[in-house]
Protein backbone atom coordinates (compact mmCIF):
# COMPACT_ATOMS: atom_id res chain seq x y z
CA UNK A 1 6.20 9.96 8.46
CA UNK A 2 8.73 7.65 10.86
CA UNK A 3 6.80 7.16 13.96
CA UNK A 4 8.41 5.38 17.14
CA UNK A 5 6.52 4.12 20.32
CA UNK A 6 7.64 2.97 23.35
CA UNK A 7 6.06 0.99 25.86
CA UNK A 8 7.16 -1.64 28.54
CA UNK A 9 7.44 -5.79 27.90
CA UNK A 10 7.84 -8.70 29.79
CA UNK A 11 11.81 -8.31 28.58
CA UNK A 12 12.02 -4.83 28.95
CA UNK A 13 11.11 -1.59 27.24
CA UNK A 14 10.71 -1.77 23.13
CA UNK A 15 10.26 0.67 20.89
CA UNK A 16 8.06 -0.23 17.83
CA UNK A 17 8.59 1.75 14.72
CA UNK A 18 6.76 2.32 11.24
CA UNK A 19 6.95 4.10 8.50
CA UNK A 20 4.34 3.77 5.33
CA UNK A 21 2.53 1.80 6.58
CA UNK A 22 4.90 -1.07 7.63
CA UNK A 23 6.69 -1.89 10.43
CA UNK A 24 10.62 -0.79 9.82
CA UNK A 25 12.36 -1.45 13.48
CA UNK A 26 11.74 -2.64 17.11
CA UNK A 27 14.68 -1.17 19.51
CA UNK A 28 15.34 -2.25 23.17
CA UNK A 29 16.26 -0.31 25.61
CA UNK A 30 19.03 2.01 25.24
CA UNK A 31 19.12 1.81 21.50
CA UNK A 32 18.34 5.00 19.58
CA UNK A 33 15.87 4.90 16.71
CA UNK A 34 17.63 6.18 13.50
CA UNK A 35 17.38 9.80 12.57
CA UNK A 36 13.83 11.17 11.82
CA UNK A 37 11.50 8.80 13.84
CA UNK A 38 9.52 10.94 15.91
CA UNK A 39 7.40 9.21 19.10
CA UNK A 40 3.55 8.87 18.46
CA UNK A 41 1.43 6.39 17.73
CA UNK A 42 -0.90 5.03 14.69
CA UNK A 43 -3.13 2.20 14.04
CA UNK A 44 -0.39 0.10 12.90
CA UNK A 45 1.42 0.76 15.89
CA UNK A 46 -1.85 -0.18 17.96
CA UNK A 47 -1.97 -3.47 16.28
CA UNK A 48 1.73 -3.92 16.20
CA UNK A 49 1.67 -4.29 20.21
CA UNK A 50 -1.80 -5.88 20.47
CA UNK A 51 -0.04 -8.66 18.79
CA UNK A 52 3.29 -8.12 20.46
CA UNK A 53 1.60 -8.38 23.84
CA UNK A 54 -0.32 -11.66 22.60
CA UNK A 55 3.05 -13.33 21.76
CA UNK A 56 4.11 -12.58 25.23
CA UNK A 57 0.75 -13.83 26.77
CA UNK A 58 1.93 -17.43 24.46
CA UNK A 59 -1.39 -16.58 22.49
CA UNK A 60 0.34 -15.42 19.06
CA UNK A 61 3.00 -17.87 17.19
CA UNK A 62 3.08 -15.87 14.25
CA UNK A 63 3.10 -12.38 13.72
CA UNK A 64 0.70 -10.76 10.39
CA UNK A 65 2.01 -7.38 10.20
CA UNK A 66 3.04 -5.33 7.25
CA UNK A 67 7.29 -5.65 7.44
CA UNK A 68 9.44 -3.36 5.54
CA UNK A 69 13.01 -3.71 6.98
CA UNK A 70 15.81 -1.97 5.45
CA UNK A 71 18.95 -4.14 4.08
CA UNK A 72 20.84 -6.09 1.44
CA UNK A 73 19.46 -8.46 -1.25
CA UNK A 74 21.00 -11.35 1.03
CA UNK A 75 20.22 -9.87 4.47
CA UNK A 76 16.66 -9.64 3.25
CA UNK A 77 17.15 -13.84 2.10
CA UNK A 78 17.95 -14.60 5.72
CA UNK A 79 15.35 -12.61 6.82
CA UNK A 80 12.68 -14.34 5.04
CA UNK A 81 14.55 -17.65 6.24
CA UNK A 82 14.28 -16.49 9.87
CA UNK A 83 10.62 -16.03 9.28
CA UNK A 84 10.36 -19.66 8.11
CA UNK A 85 11.51 -21.15 11.88
CA UNK A 86 8.64 -22.60 12.97
CA UNK A 87 7.59 -21.20 16.64
CA UNK A 88 9.50 -23.11 19.58
CA UNK A 89 12.01 -24.23 17.34
CA UNK A 90 15.54 -22.95 16.56
CA UNK A 91 18.11 -23.56 13.31
CA UNK A 92 21.65 -23.31 13.53
CA UNK A 93 23.58 -20.18 11.65
CA UNK A 94 24.68 -22.89 8.94
CA UNK A 95 21.18 -24.36 8.09
CA UNK A 96 20.04 -20.68 7.68
CA UNK A 97 23.30 -20.34 5.60
CA UNK A 98 22.40 -23.64 3.64
CA UNK A 99 18.49 -22.38 3.39
CA UNK A 100 19.37 -19.39 1.25
CA UNK A 101 21.68 -21.14 -0.83
CA UNK A 102 25.33 -19.82 0.59
CA UNK A 103 25.91 -23.31 2.69
CA UNK A 104 29.55 -21.63 3.69
CA UNK A 105 28.33 -18.04 5.01
CA UNK A 106 27.51 -19.00 8.62
CA UNK A 107 29.48 -15.91 9.86
CA UNK A 108 27.63 -13.75 6.77
CA UNK A 109 24.01 -14.74 8.33
CA UNK A 110 25.33 -14.30 11.64
CA UNK A 111 26.23 -10.43 10.51
CA UNK A 112 22.69 -10.33 8.81
CA UNK A 113 20.95 -11.73 12.12
CA UNK A 114 22.95 -9.03 14.05
CA UNK A 115 21.68 -5.88 11.72
CA UNK A 116 17.83 -7.46 11.62
CA UNK A 117 15.89 -4.19 12.21
CA UNK A 118 12.92 -6.11 13.62
CA UNK A 119 13.77 -8.35 16.14
CA UNK A 120 10.84 -10.58 17.67
CA UNK A 121 8.94 -10.70 14.73
CA UNK A 122 11.52 -11.41 12.41
CA UNK A 123 12.80 -14.23 15.04
CA UNK A 124 16.72 -14.31 14.67
CA UNK A 125 16.39 -15.13 18.68
CA UNK A 126 15.49 -18.15 17.14
CA UNK A 127 18.87 -18.94 15.45
CA UNK A 128 21.74 -20.82 17.64
CA UNK A 129 25.44 -21.79 17.01
CA UNK A 130 25.94 -25.11 15.69
CA UNK A 131 26.29 -27.50 18.56
CA UNK A 132 23.02 -25.56 20.24
CA UNK A 133 24.79 -23.08 22.30
CA UNK A 134 23.21 -19.55 22.82
CA UNK A 135 25.05 -17.28 20.94
CA UNK A 136 25.02 -13.04 20.34
CA UNK A 137 22.01 -11.49 20.30
CA UNK A 138 21.35 -7.58 19.89
CA UNK A 139 19.14 -7.60 22.88
CA UNK A 140 21.55 -9.63 24.97
CA UNK A 141 21.31 -13.06 26.00
CA UNK A 142 19.47 -13.00 28.91
CA UNK A 143 16.66 -11.48 26.29
CA UNK A 144 17.15 -14.24 23.89
CA UNK A 145 16.85 -16.92 26.40
CA UNK A 146 13.57 -15.87 28.12
CA UNK A 147 12.16 -15.66 24.46
CA UNK A 148 13.60 -19.16 23.41
CA UNK A 149 11.87 -20.36 26.91
CA UNK A 150 8.68 -18.64 26.15
CA UNK A 151 8.13 -20.32 22.80
CA UNK A 152 8.98 -23.57 24.53
CA UNK A 153 6.62 -23.19 26.81
CA UNK A 154 3.84 -22.43 24.42
CA UNK A 155 4.92 -23.87 21.66
CA UNK A 156 2.10 -26.33 20.28
CA UNK A 157 2.32 -30.24 21.19
CA UNK A 158 2.97 -32.61 18.70
CA UNK A 159 1.36 -35.69 18.10
């Protein structure tokens, strides 16, 4: 069964969806779940929300949830590379393209980022333009800025 649970968050309403024991999507306010999702609760959704609350409180730096994002093999490779970006850090589209073995595929990385079905947990907000500029984000640039600021304020101090 496909289940989605909507709750308020510091960046507005979020919907977390699961199917067959894995998180499959996170939606921002105004986005509609794909067909077949019903509103409800489950132990996994409760755990996802508990981890999101700890993340927003600055206490959680890495999620530990079973994920099942639907996408092409290239998209899957990009999303795995995103999960390797440390909390509080950013990478450029070009750096991610190189990481997945396609150094000239910055635009394709951007497209895969845009199609990331599990934002925040798969941290596509940590990808920025080559010059350090904030570029598109499915949840809007204001949310991207808030997420990056949250992580910068709470990242572990080096040294």
